[in-house]
PDB file of N, CA and C in Angstrom:
ATOM      1  N   MET A   1     -12.888 -10.246  19.556  1.00  0.00           N
ATOM      2  CA  MET A   1     -11.338  -9.532  18.532  1.00  0.00           C
ATOM      3  C   MET A   1     -11.964  -9.247  17.192  1.00  0.00           C
ATOM      4  N   LEU A   2     -11.670  -8.399  16.614  1.00  0.00           N
ATOM      5  CA  LEU A   2     -11.926  -8.101  15.153  1.00  0.00           C
ATOM      6  C   LEU A   2     -11.177  -8.725  14.128  1.00  0.00           C
ATOM      7  N   PRO A   3     -12.054  -8.831  13.026  1.00  0.00           N
ATOM      8  CA  PRO A   3     -10.662  -9.292  11.924  1.00  0.00           C
ATOM      9  C   PRO A   3     -10.134  -8.765  11.517  1.00  0.00           C
ATOM     10  N   ASP A   4      -8.681  -9.005  11.063  1.00  0.00           N
ATOM     11  CA  ASP A   4      -7.478  -8.418  10.201  1.00  0.00           C
ATOM     12  C   ASP A   4      -7.902  -7.355   9.470  1.00  0.00           C
ATOM     13  N   THR A   5      -7.648  -6.212   8.682  1.00  0.00           N
ATOM     14  CA  THR A   5      -8.121  -5.819   7.925  1.00  0.00           C
ATOM     15  C   THR A   5      -6.805  -5.345   7.493  1.00  0.00           C
ATOM     16  N   VAL A   6      -6.792  -5.513   5.925  1.00  0.00           N
ATOM     17  CA  VAL A   6      -5.624  -4.750   4.877  1.00  0.00           C
ATOM     18  C   VAL A   6      -6.194  -3.610   4.339  1.00  0.00           C
ATOM     19  N   VAL A   7      -5.224  -2.327   4.375  1.00  0.00           N
ATOM     20  CA  VAL A   7      -5.395  -1.412   3.264  1.00  0.00           C
ATOM     21  C   VAL A   7      -4.653  -1.780   2.107  1.00  0.00           C
ATOM     22  N   THR A   8      -5.342  -1.770   0.587  1.00  0.00           N
ATOM     23  CA  THR A   8      -4.422  -2.113  -0.275  1.00  0.00           C
ATOM     24  C   THR A   8      -4.290  -0.965  -1.171  1.00  0.00           C
ATOM     25  N   ALA A   9      -3.559  -0.827  -2.232  1.00  0.00           N
ATOM     26  CA  ALA A   9      -3.243   0.387  -3.085  1.00  0.00           C
ATOM     27  C   ALA A   9      -4.474   1.153  -3.602  1.00  0.00           C
ATOM     28  N   THR A  10      -5.587   0.312  -3.503  1.00  0.00           N
ATOM     29  CA  THR A  10      -6.864   1.082  -4.118  1.00  0.00           C
ATOM     30  C   THR A  10      -7.403   1.843  -2.740  1.00  0.00           C
ATOM     31  N   ARG A  11      -7.024   1.736  -1.696  1.00  0.00           N
ATOM     32  CA  ARG A  11      -6.990   2.285  -0.489  1.00  0.00           C
ATOM     33  C   ARG A  11      -8.579   2.531  -0.018  1.00  0.00           C
ATOM     34  N   THR A  12      -9.025   1.277  -0.163  1.00  0.00           N
ATOM     35  CA  THR A  12     -10.135   0.391   0.388  1.00  0.00           C
ATOM     36  C   THR A  12      -9.990  -0.676   1.184  1.00  0.00           C
ATOM     37  N   GLU A  13     -10.753  -0.767   2.299  1.00  0.00           N
ATOM     38  CA  GLU A  13     -10.538  -1.953   3.566  1.00  0.00           C
ATOM     39  C   GLU A  13     -10.685  -3.196   2.820  1.00  0.00           C
ATOM     40  N   ARG A  14     -10.148  -4.411   3.077  1.00  0.00           N
ATOM     41  CA  ARG A  14     -10.826  -5.495   2.656  1.00  0.00           C
ATOM     42  C   ARG A  14      -9.799  -6.406   3.706  1.00  0.00           C
ATOM     43  N   SER A  15     -10.794  -7.373   3.855  1.00  0.00           N
ATOM     44  CA  SER A  15     -10.103  -8.513   4.549  1.00  0.00           C
ATOM     45  C   SER A  15      -8.660  -9.340   4.099  1.00  0.00           C
ATOM     46  N   LEU A  16      -7.976  -9.548   4.886  1.00  0.00           N
ATOM     47  CA  LEU A  16      -6.765 -10.163   4.557  1.00  0.00           C
ATOM     48  C   LEU A  16      -7.076 -11.548   3.360  1.00  0.00           C
ATOM     49  N   PHE A  17      -7.915 -12.222   3.360  1.00  0.00           N
ATOM     50  CA  PHE A  17      -8.687 -13.478   2.392  1.00  0.00           C
ATOM     51  C   PHE A  17      -8.461 -12.713   0.818  1.00  0.00           C
ATOM     52  N   ASP A  18      -9.265 -11.411   1.216  1.00  0.00           N
ATOM     53  CA  ASP A  18      -9.708 -11.017   0.056  1.00  0.00           C
ATOM     54  C   ASP A  18      -9.004 -10.329  -0.833  1.00  0.00           C
ATOM     55  N   VAL A  19      -7.633 -10.025  -0.413  1.00  0.00           N
ATOM     56  CA  VAL A  19      -6.593  -9.460  -0.957  1.00  0.00           C
ATOM     57  C   VAL A  19      -6.013  -9.960  -2.054  1.00  0.00           C
ATOM     58  N   PRO A  20      -6.015  -9.590  -3.423  1.00  0.00           N
ATOM     59  CA  PRO A  20      -5.334 -10.806  -4.123  1.00  0.00           C
ATOM     60  C   PRO A  20      -3.805 -10.901  -4.249  1.00  0.00           C
ATOM     61  N   GLN A  21      -3.060 -10.079  -3.850  1.00  0.00           N
ATOM     62  CA  GLN A  21      -1.568 -10.198  -3.779  1.00  0.00           C
ATOM     63  C   GLN A  21      -1.296 -11.066  -2.999  1.00  0.00           C
ATOM     64  N   ALA A  22      -0.335 -11.570  -2.619  1.00  0.00           N
ATOM     65  CA  ALA A  22       0.511 -12.419  -1.788  1.00  0.00           C
ATOM     66  C   ALA A  22       0.867 -11.637  -0.369  1.00  0.00           C
ATOM     67  N   THR A  23       0.437 -11.617   0.550  1.00  0.00           N
ATOM     68  CA  THR A  23       0.696 -10.469   1.899  1.00  0.00           C
ATOM     69  C   THR A  23       0.494 -11.899   2.907  1.00  0.00           C
ATOM     70  N   SER A  24       1.409 -11.257   3.609  1.00  0.00           N
ATOM     71  CA  SER A  24       1.566 -12.014   5.260  1.00  0.00           C
ATOM     72  C   SER A  24       0.974 -10.970   6.096  1.00  0.00           C
ATOM     73  N   LEU A  25       0.950 -11.367   7.333  1.00  0.00           N
ATOM     74  CA  LEU A  25       0.335 -10.671   8.643  1.00  0.00           C
ATOM     75  C   LEU A  25       1.256 -11.299   9.858  1.00  0.00           C
ATOM     76  N   VAL A  26       1.970 -10.396  10.739  1.00  0.00           N
ATOM     77  CA  VAL A  26       2.692 -10.867  11.675  1.00  0.00           C
ATOM     78  C   VAL A  26       1.741  -9.983  12.926  1.00  0.00           C
ATOM     79  N   ASP A  27       1.075 -10.856  13.735  1.00  0.00           N
ATOM     80  CA  ASP A  27       0.332  -9.949  14.739  1.00  0.00           C
ATOM     81  C   ASP A  27       1.192  -9.987  15.623  1.00  0.00           C
ATOM     82  N   GLU A  28       0.456  -9.452  16.939  1.00  0.00           N
ATOM     83  CA  GLU A  28       0.905  -9.254  18.516  1.00  0.00           C
ATOM     84  C   GLU A  28       1.442 -10.460  18.701  1.00  0.00           C
ATOM     85  N   ALA A  29       0.364 -11.476  18.989  1.00  0.00           N
ATOM     86  CA  ALA A  29       0.677 -12.598  19.171  1.00  0.00           C
ATOM     87  C   ALA A  29       2.198 -13.407  19.102  1.00  0.00           C
ATOM     88  N   GLU A  30       2.110 -13.418  17.628  1.00  0.00           N
ATOM     89  CA  GLU A  30       3.203 -14.282  16.979  1.00  0.00           C
ATOM     90  C   GLU A  30       4.432 -13.411  17.125  1.00  0.00           C
ATOM     91  N   ILE A  31       4.569 -12.147  17.450  1.00  0.00           N
ATOM     92  CA  ILE A  31       5.481 -11.536  18.109  1.00  0.00           C
ATOM     93  C   ILE A  31       5.948 -11.914  19.350  1.00  0.00           C
ATOM     94  N   ASP A  32       5.083 -12.063  20.143  1.00  0.00           N
ATOM     95  CA  ASP A  32       5.066 -12.381  21.766  1.00  0.00           C
ATOM     96  C   ASP A  32       5.457 -13.751  21.893  1.00  0.00           C
ATOM     97  N   ARG A  33       5.513 -14.858  20.858  1.00  0.00           N
ATOM     98  CA  ARG A  33       5.496 -15.641  20.744  1.00  0.00           C
ATOM     99  C   ARG A  33       7.225 -16.155  20.394  1.00  0.00           C
ATOM    100  N   SER A  34       7.522 -15.198  19.383  1.00  0.00           N
ATOM    101  CA  SER A  34       8.933 -15.613  18.687  1.00  0.00           C
ATOM    102  C   SER A  34       9.905 -15.348  19.771  1.00  0.00           C
ATOM    103  N   LEU A  35       9.588 -14.264  20.560  1.00  0.00           N
ATOM    104  CA  LEU A  35      10.657 -14.180  21.737  1.00  0.00           C
ATOM    105  C   LEU A  35      12.058 -13.422  20.917  1.00  0.00           C
ATOM    106  N   GLU A  36      11.721 -12.738  20.093  1.00  0.00           N
ATOM    107  CA  GLU A  36      13.264 -12.017  19.424  1.00  0.00           C
ATOM    108  C   GLU A  36      13.218 -10.952  19.926  1.00  0.00           C
ATOM    109  N   SER A  37      14.969 -10.604  20.083  1.00  0.00           N
ATOM    110  CA  SER A  37      15.301  -9.326  20.699  1.00  0.00           C
ATOM    111  C   SER A  37      15.417  -8.417  19.524  1.00  0.00           C
ATOM    112  N   MET A  38      15.520  -8.441  18.538  1.00  0.00           N
ATOM    113  CA  MET A  38      15.714  -7.661  16.992  1.00  0.00           C
ATOM    114  C   MET A  38      14.857  -7.641  16.453  1.00  0.00           C
ATOM    115  N   THR A  39      14.461  -6.457  15.614  1.00  0.00           N
ATOM    116  CA  THR A  39      13.107  -6.167  14.194  1.00  0.00           C
ATOM    117  C   THR A  39      13.626  -7.075  13.706  1.00  0.00           C
ATOM    118  N   PRO A  40      14.832  -7.352  12.998  1.00  0.00           N
ATOM    119  CA  PRO A  40      14.606  -7.554  11.476  1.00  0.00           C
ATOM    120  C   PRO A  40      14.563  -9.339  11.766  1.00  0.00           C
ATOM    121  N   ASP A  41      14.555 -10.183  13.197  1.00  0.00           N
ATOM    122  CA  ASP A  41      14.662 -11.295  13.178  1.00  0.00           C
ATOM    123  C   ASP A  41      13.064 -12.067  13.360  1.00  0.00           C
ATOM    124  N   LEU A  42      12.388 -10.849  13.504  1.00  0.00           N
ATOM    125  CA  LEU A  42      11.018 -11.004  13.376  1.00  0.00           C
ATOM    126  C   LEU A  42      10.477 -11.496  11.953  1.00  0.00           C
ATOM    127  N   PHE A  43      11.012 -11.276  11.090  1.00  0.00           N
ATOM    128  CA  PHE A  43      10.785 -11.614   9.290  1.00  0.00           C
ATOM    129  C   PHE A  43      11.406 -13.000   9.027  1.00  0.00           C
ATOM    130  N   ARG A  44      12.151 -13.835  10.331  1.00  0.00           N
ATOM    131  CA  ARG A  44      12.610 -15.340   9.763  1.00  0.00           C
ATOM    132  C   ARG A  44      11.995 -15.856   9.227  1.00  0.00           C
ATOM    133  N   TYR A  45      10.407 -16.423   9.877  1.00  0.00           N
ATOM    134  CA  TYR A  45       9.582 -17.349   8.672  1.00  0.00           C
ATOM    135  C   TYR A  45       8.474 -16.720   7.852  1.00  0.00           C
ATOM    136  N   VAL A  46       8.810 -15.374   7.789  1.00  0.00           N
ATOM    137  CA  VAL A  46       7.430 -15.015   6.620  1.00  0.00           C
ATOM    138  C   VAL A  46       8.134 -15.311   5.494  1.00  0.00           C
ATOM    139  N   PRO A  47       7.083 -15.927   4.515  1.00  0.00           N
ATOM    140  CA  PRO A  47       7.218 -16.194   3.033  1.00  0.00           C
ATOM    141  C   PRO A  47       7.480 -15.372   2.272  1.00  0.00           C
ATOM    142  N   GLY A  48       8.916 -15.121   1.653  1.00  0.00           N
ATOM    143  CA  GLY A  48       8.692 -14.107   0.154  1.00  0.00           C
ATOM    144  C   GLY A  48       9.852 -13.222   1.039  1.00  0.00           C
ATOM    145  N   VAL A  49      10.196 -13.334   2.416  1.00  0.00           N
ATOM    146  CA  VAL A  49      10.839 -12.043   2.507  1.00  0.00           C
ATOM    147  C   VAL A  49      12.617 -12.702   3.196  1.00  0.00           C
ATOM    148  N   TYR A  50      13.475 -12.129   2.800  1.00  0.00           N
ATOM    149  CA  TYR A  50      14.930 -12.731   3.453  1.00  0.00           C
ATOM    150  C   TYR A  50      15.446 -11.035   3.764  1.00  0.00           C
ATOM    151  N   ILE A  51      16.022 -11.687   4.970  1.00  0.00           N
ATOM    152  CA  ILE A  51      16.984 -10.124   5.735  1.00  0.00           C
ATOM    153  C   ILE A  51      18.218 -10.749   5.834  1.00  0.00           C
ATOM    154  N   GLN A  52      19.050  -9.403   4.915  1.00  0.00           N
ATOM    155  CA  GLN A  52      20.244  -9.675   5.153  1.00  0.00           C
ATOM    156  C   GLN A  52      20.865  -9.009   6.331  1.00  0.00           C
ATOM    157  N   LYS A  53      21.822  -9.443   6.913  1.00  0.00           N
ATOM    158  CA  LYS A  53      22.121  -9.102   8.081  1.00  0.00           C
ATOM    159  C   LYS A  53      23.965  -8.941   8.233  1.00  0.00           C
ATOM    160  N   THR A  54      24.249  -7.754   7.690  1.00  0.00           N
ATOM    161  CA  THR A  54      25.585  -7.565   7.558  1.00  0.00           C
ATOM    162  C   THR A  54      26.635  -7.089   8.615  1.00  0.00           C
ATOM    163  N   ASN A  55      25.853  -6.975  10.001  1.00  0.00           N
ATOM    164  CA  ASN A  55      25.981  -6.286  11.138  1.00  0.00           C
ATOM    165  C   ASN A  55      25.281  -6.836  12.670  1.00  0.00           C
ATOM    166  N   LEU A  56      26.279  -6.855  13.538  1.00  0.00           N
ATOM    167  CA  LEU A  56      25.132  -7.282  14.839  1.00  0.00           C
ATOM    168  C   LEU A  56      23.731  -6.471  14.757  1.00  0.00           C
ATOM    169  N   ALA A  57      22.456  -7.076  14.539  1.00  0.00           N
ATOM    170  CA  ALA A  57      21.514  -6.441  14.988  1.00  0.00           C
ATOM    171  C   ALA A  57      21.023  -5.391  13.475  1.00  0.00           C
ATOM    172  N   GLY A  58      21.559  -5.882  12.301  1.00  0.00           N
ATOM    173  CA  GLY A  58      21.461  -4.755  11.325  1.00  0.00           C
ATOM    174  C   GLY A  58      20.501  -6.264  10.481  1.00  0.00           C
ATOM    175  N   GLY A  59      19.905  -5.413   9.651  1.00  0.00           N
ATOM    176  CA  GLY A  59      18.721  -6.314   8.896  1.00  0.00           C
ATOM    177  C   GLY A  59      17.904  -5.498   8.048  1.00  0.00           C
ATOM    178  N   SER A  60      18.629  -5.795   6.404  1.00  0.00           N
ATOM    179  CA  SER A  60      17.523  -5.160   5.470  1.00  0.00           C
ATOM    180  C   SER A  60      16.932  -6.364   4.737  1.00  0.00           C
ATOM    181  N   PRO A  61      15.394  -5.922   4.498  1.00  0.00           N
ATOM    182  CA  PRO A  61      14.458  -6.788   4.106  1.00  0.00           C
ATOM    183  C   PRO A  61      14.534  -7.089   2.728  1.00  0.00           C
ATOM    184  N   PHE A  62      14.677  -8.043   1.976  1.00  0.00           N
ATOM    185  CA  PHE A  62      14.569  -8.355   0.831  1.00  0.00           C
ATOM    186  C   PHE A  62      12.999  -9.077   0.200  1.00  0.00           C
ATOM    187  N   ILE A  63      11.921  -8.163   0.264  1.00  0.00           N
ATOM    188  CA  ILE A  63      10.823  -8.601  -0.042  1.00  0.00           C
ATOM    189  C   ILE A  63      10.322  -9.142  -1.493  1.00  0.00           C
ATOM    190  N   ARG A  64      10.441 -10.448  -1.774  1.00  0.00           N
ATOM    191  CA  ARG A  64       9.889 -11.137  -2.960  1.00  0.00           C
ATOM    192  C   ARG A  64      11.138 -10.304  -4.152  1.00  0.00           C
ATOM    193  N   GLY A  65      12.214  -9.854  -3.738  1.00  0.00           N
ATOM    194  CA  GLY A  65      13.047  -9.515  -4.808  1.00  0.00           C
ATOM    195  C   GLY A  65      13.391  -8.269  -4.752  1.00  0.00           C
ATOM    196  N   LEU A  66      12.565  -7.424  -3.677  1.00  0.00           N
ATOM    197  CA  LEU A  66      12.992  -6.051  -3.895  1.00  0.00           C
ATOM    198  C   LEU A  66      13.623  -5.410  -2.523  1.00  0.00           C
ATOM    199  N   THR A  67      14.336  -4.553  -2.753  1.00  0.00           N
ATOM    200  CA  THR A  67      15.233  -4.219  -1.450  1.00  0.00           C
ATOM    201  C   THR A  67      15.645  -2.507  -1.358  1.00  0.00           C
ATOM    202  N   GLY A  68      15.800  -1.899  -0.505  1.00  0.00           N
ATOM    203  CA  GLY A  68      15.915  -0.778  -0.546  1.00  0.00           C
ATOM    204  C   GLY A  68      15.476   0.117  -0.465  1.00  0.00           C
ATOM    205  N   LYS A  69      15.276   1.345  -1.291  1.00  0.00           N
ATOM    206  CA  LYS A  69      14.674   2.253  -1.654  1.00  0.00           C
ATOM    207  C   LYS A  69      13.270   1.743  -2.127  1.00  0.00           C
ATOM    208  N   GLN A  70      12.936   0.606  -3.017  1.00  0.00           N
ATOM    209  CA  GLN A  70      11.892  -0.268  -3.349  1.00  0.00           C
ATOM    210  C   GLN A  70      10.956  -0.835  -2.350  1.00  0.00           C
ATOM    211  N   VAL A  71      11.514  -1.124  -1.287  1.00  0.00           N
ATOM    212  CA  VAL A  71      10.565  -1.263  -0.067  1.00  0.00           C
ATOM    213  C   VAL A  71      10.319  -0.180   1.278  1.00  0.00           C
ATOM    214  N   LEU A  72       9.065   0.511   1.196  1.00  0.00           N
ATOM    215  CA  LEU A  72       8.647   1.257   1.671  1.00  0.00           C
ATOM    216  C   LEU A  72       8.408   0.698   3.423  1.00  0.00           C
ATOM    217  N   ILE A  73       9.348   1.228   4.181  1.00  0.00           N
ATOM    218  CA  ILE A  73       9.339   0.913   5.543  1.00  0.00           C
ATOM    219  C   ILE A  73       8.125   2.295   6.314  1.00  0.00           C
ATOM    220  N   LEU A  74       6.868   1.733   6.937  1.00  0.00           N
ATOM    221  CA  LEU A  74       6.164   2.848   7.838  1.00  0.00           C
ATOM    222  C   LEU A  74       6.094   2.501   9.306  1.00  0.00           C
ATOM    223  N   ILE A  75       6.340   3.330  10.023  1.00  0.00           N
ATOM    224  CA  ILE A  75       6.096   3.230  11.221  1.00  0.00           C
ATOM    225  C   ILE A  75       4.763   4.245  11.764  1.00  0.00           C
ATOM    226  N   ASP A  76       3.595   3.544  12.119  1.00  0.00           N
ATOM    227  CA  ASP A  76       2.349   4.734  12.447  1.00  0.00           C
ATOM    228  C   ASP A  76       1.766   5.702  11.233  1.00  0.00           C
ATOM    229  N   GLY A  77       1.985   5.081  10.045  1.00  0.00           N
ATOM    230  CA  GLY A  77       2.214   5.797   8.674  1.00  0.00           C
ATOM    231  C   GLY A  77       3.068   6.886   8.149  1.00  0.00           C
ATOM    232  N   VAL A  78       4.081   7.120   9.163  1.00  0.00           N
ATOM    233  CA  VAL A  78       5.578   7.844   8.596  1.00  0.00           C
ATOM    234  C   VAL A  78       6.607   6.692   8.184  1.00  0.00           C
ATOM    235  N   ARG A  79       6.812   7.401   7.094  1.00  0.00           N
ATOM    236  CA  ARG A  79       7.899   6.844   6.456  1.00  0.00           C
ATOM    237  C   ARG A  79       9.371   6.567   7.398  1.00  0.00           C
ATOM    238  N   LEU A  80      10.030   5.631   7.112  1.00  0.00           N
ATOM    239  CA  LEU A  80      11.374   5.374   7.747  1.00  0.00           C
ATOM    240  C   LEU A  80      12.338   5.482   6.553  1.00  0.00           C
ATOM    241  N   ASN A  81      12.212   5.030   5.595  1.00  0.00           N
ATOM    242  CA  ASN A  81      12.900   5.437   4.525  1.00  0.00           C
ATOM    243  C   ASN A  81      12.031   6.105   2.902  1.00  0.00           C
ATOM    244  N   ASN A  82      12.989   6.397   2.368  1.00  0.00           N
ATOM    245  CA  ASN A  82      12.208   7.289   1.142  1.00  0.00           C
ATOM    246  C   ASN A  82      12.992   6.967  -0.263  1.00  0.00           C
ATOM    247  N   SER A  83      12.445   7.494  -1.505  1.00  0.00           N
ATOM    248  CA  SER A  83      13.254   6.914  -2.795  1.00  0.00           C
ATOM    249  C   SER A  83      14.366   7.658  -2.897  1.00  0.00           C
ATOM    250  N   PHE A  84      14.532   8.465  -1.809  1.00  0.00           N
ATOM    251  CA  PHE A  84      16.138   9.030  -2.334  1.00  0.00           C
ATOM    252  C   PHE A  84      17.360   8.423  -1.809  1.00  0.00           C
ATOM    253  N   TYR A  85      17.108   7.365  -0.932  1.00  0.00           N
ATOM    254  CA  TYR A  85      18.069   6.626  -0.167  1.00  0.00           C
ATOM    255  C   TYR A  85      18.869   5.977  -1.280  1.00  0.00           C
ATOM    256  N   ARG A  86      20.108   5.723  -1.118  1.00  0.00           N
ATOM    257  CA  ARG A  86      21.068   4.854  -2.328  1.00  0.00           C
ATOM    258  C   ARG A  86      19.456   3.657  -2.557  1.00  0.00           C
ATOM    259  N   PHE A  87      20.273   2.616  -3.751  1.00  0.00           N
ATOM    260  CA  PHE A  87      19.670   1.752  -4.164  1.00  0.00           C
ATOM    261  C   PHE A  87      19.843   0.514  -3.439  1.00  0.00           C
ATOM    262  N   GLY A  88      20.850   0.331  -2.801  1.00  0.00           N
ATOM    263  CA  GLY A  88      21.201  -0.700  -2.221  1.00  0.00           C
ATOM    264  C   GLY A  88      20.346  -1.470  -0.983  1.00  0.00           C
ATOM    265  N   PRO A  89      20.799  -2.098  -0.345  1.00  0.00           N
ATOM    266  CA  PRO A  89      20.157  -2.683   1.075  1.00  0.00           C
ATOM    267  C   PRO A  89      20.089  -1.592   1.994  1.00  0.00           C
ATOM    268  N   HIS A  90      19.224  -1.207   3.153  1.00  0.00           N
ATOM    269  CA  HIS A  90      19.391  -0.241   4.154  1.00  0.00           C
ATOM    270  C   HIS A  90      19.076  -1.043   5.106  1.00  0.00           C
ATOM    271  N   GLN A  91      19.595  -0.432   6.535  1.00  0.00           N
ATOM    272  CA  GLN A  91      20.017  -1.658   7.730  1.00  0.00           C
ATOM    273  C   GLN A  91      18.850  -0.840   8.449  1.00  0.00           C
ATOM    274  N   TYR A  92      17.848  -0.198   8.398  1.00  0.00           N
ATOM    275  CA  TYR A  92      16.737   0.493   8.895  1.00  0.00           C
ATOM    276  C   TYR A  92      16.142  -0.427   9.889  1.00  0.00           C
ATOM    277  N   LEU A  93      16.076  -1.574   9.819  1.00  0.00           N
ATOM    278  CA  LEU A  93      15.104  -2.424  10.704  1.00  0.00           C
ATOM    279  C   LEU A  93      15.884  -2.368  12.141  1.00  0.00           C
ATOM    280  N   ASN A  94      17.081  -2.127  12.319  1.00  0.00           N
ATOM    281  CA  ASN A  94      17.558  -2.222  13.536  1.00  0.00           C
ATOM    282  C   ASN A  94      17.591  -1.281  14.615  1.00  0.00           C
ATOM    283  N   THR A  95      16.904  -0.015  13.990  1.00  0.00           N
ATOM    284  CA  THR A  95      16.381   1.217  14.771  1.00  0.00           C
ATOM    285  C   THR A  95      15.088   0.781  15.524  1.00  0.00           C
ATOM    286  N   ILE A  96      14.524   0.049  15.243  1.00  0.00           N
ATOM    287  CA  ILE A  96      13.100  -0.269  15.830  1.00  0.00           C
ATOM    288  C   ILE A  96      13.164  -1.466  16.884  1.00  0.00           C
ATOM    289  N   ASP A  97      12.535  -0.422  17.844  1.00  0.00           N
ATOM    290  CA  ASP A  97      12.929  -1.092  18.962  1.00  0.00           C
ATOM    291  C   ASP A  97      11.516  -2.740  18.833  1.00  0.00           C
ATOM    292  N   PRO A  98      11.700  -3.782  18.719  1.00  0.00           N
ATOM    293  CA  PRO A  98      10.789  -4.919  18.669  1.00  0.00           C
ATOM    294  C   PRO A  98       9.478  -5.060  19.851  1.00  0.00           C
ATOM    295  N   HIS A  99       9.830  -4.434  20.657  1.00  0.00           N
ATOM    296  CA  HIS A  99       8.817  -4.393  22.047  1.00  0.00           C
ATOM    297  C   HIS A  99       7.569  -3.690  21.715  1.00  0.00           C
ATOM    298  N   ILE A 100       7.772  -2.400  20.669  1.00  0.00           N
ATOM    299  CA  ILE A 100       6.465  -1.584  20.981  1.00  0.00           C
ATOM    300  C   ILE A 100       5.833  -2.001  19.823  1.00  0.00           C
ATOM    301  N   ILE A 101       6.236  -2.963  18.844  1.00  0.00           N
ATOM    302  CA  ILE A 101       5.715  -3.261  17.634  1.00  0.00           C
ATOM    303  C   ILE A 101       4.354  -4.451  18.249  1.00  0.00           C
ATOM    304  N   GLN A 102       3.091  -3.563  17.079  1.00  0.00           N
ATOM    305  CA  GLN A 102       1.928  -4.241  17.711  1.00  0.00           C
ATOM    306  C   GLN A 102       1.692  -5.538  16.643  1.00  0.00           C
ATOM    307  N   ARG A 103       1.960  -5.113  15.096  1.00  0.00           N
ATOM    308  CA  ARG A 103       1.812  -6.066  14.018  1.00  0.00           C
ATOM    309  C   ARG A 103       2.712  -5.312  12.868  1.00  0.00           C
ATOM    310  N   ILE A 104       2.987  -6.255  12.215  1.00  0.00           N
ATOM    311  CA  ILE A 104       3.585  -5.837  10.592  1.00  0.00           C
ATOM    312  C   ILE A 104       2.720  -6.525   9.525  1.00  0.00           C
ATOM    313  N   ASP A 105       2.582  -5.453   8.549  1.00  0.00           N
ATOM    314  CA  ASP A 105       1.656  -6.497   7.601  1.00  0.00           C
ATOM    315  C   ASP A 105       1.989  -5.837   6.161  1.00  0.00           C
ATOM    316  N   GLY A 106       1.448  -6.191   5.466  1.00  0.00           N
ATOM    317  CA  GLY A 106       1.556  -6.044   3.659  1.00  0.00           C
ATOM    318  C   GLY A 106       3.037  -6.319   3.241  1.00  0.00           C
ATOM    319  N   VAL A 107       3.404  -7.223   4.508  1.00  0.00           N
ATOM    320  CA  VAL A 107       4.864  -7.734   3.708  1.00  0.00           C
ATOM    321  C   VAL A 107       4.531  -9.146   2.745  1.00  0.00           C
TER     322      VAL A 107
END
């Protein structure tokens, strides 16, 4: 098994231990152990993350006080949201099937 690698704003690979920012990683084993049926619930125990749930299966991440267009959500490198969306919370995490997620990093 290869060690985890985090790509930082400097665009160079570093190990998770060497990244100077607070970073969390939710890997596939942790996702499987959680038995969560909705993607927003995968963030339940991640430090610094609060999920606002205003509807069934909805979930907008607040990551270290930032939310909405201040939080970039990527799926295989493709943006799920962008800076043109409204400022407030977005409920887009509920559109991602938790059974296809292999890892969540950078939160």
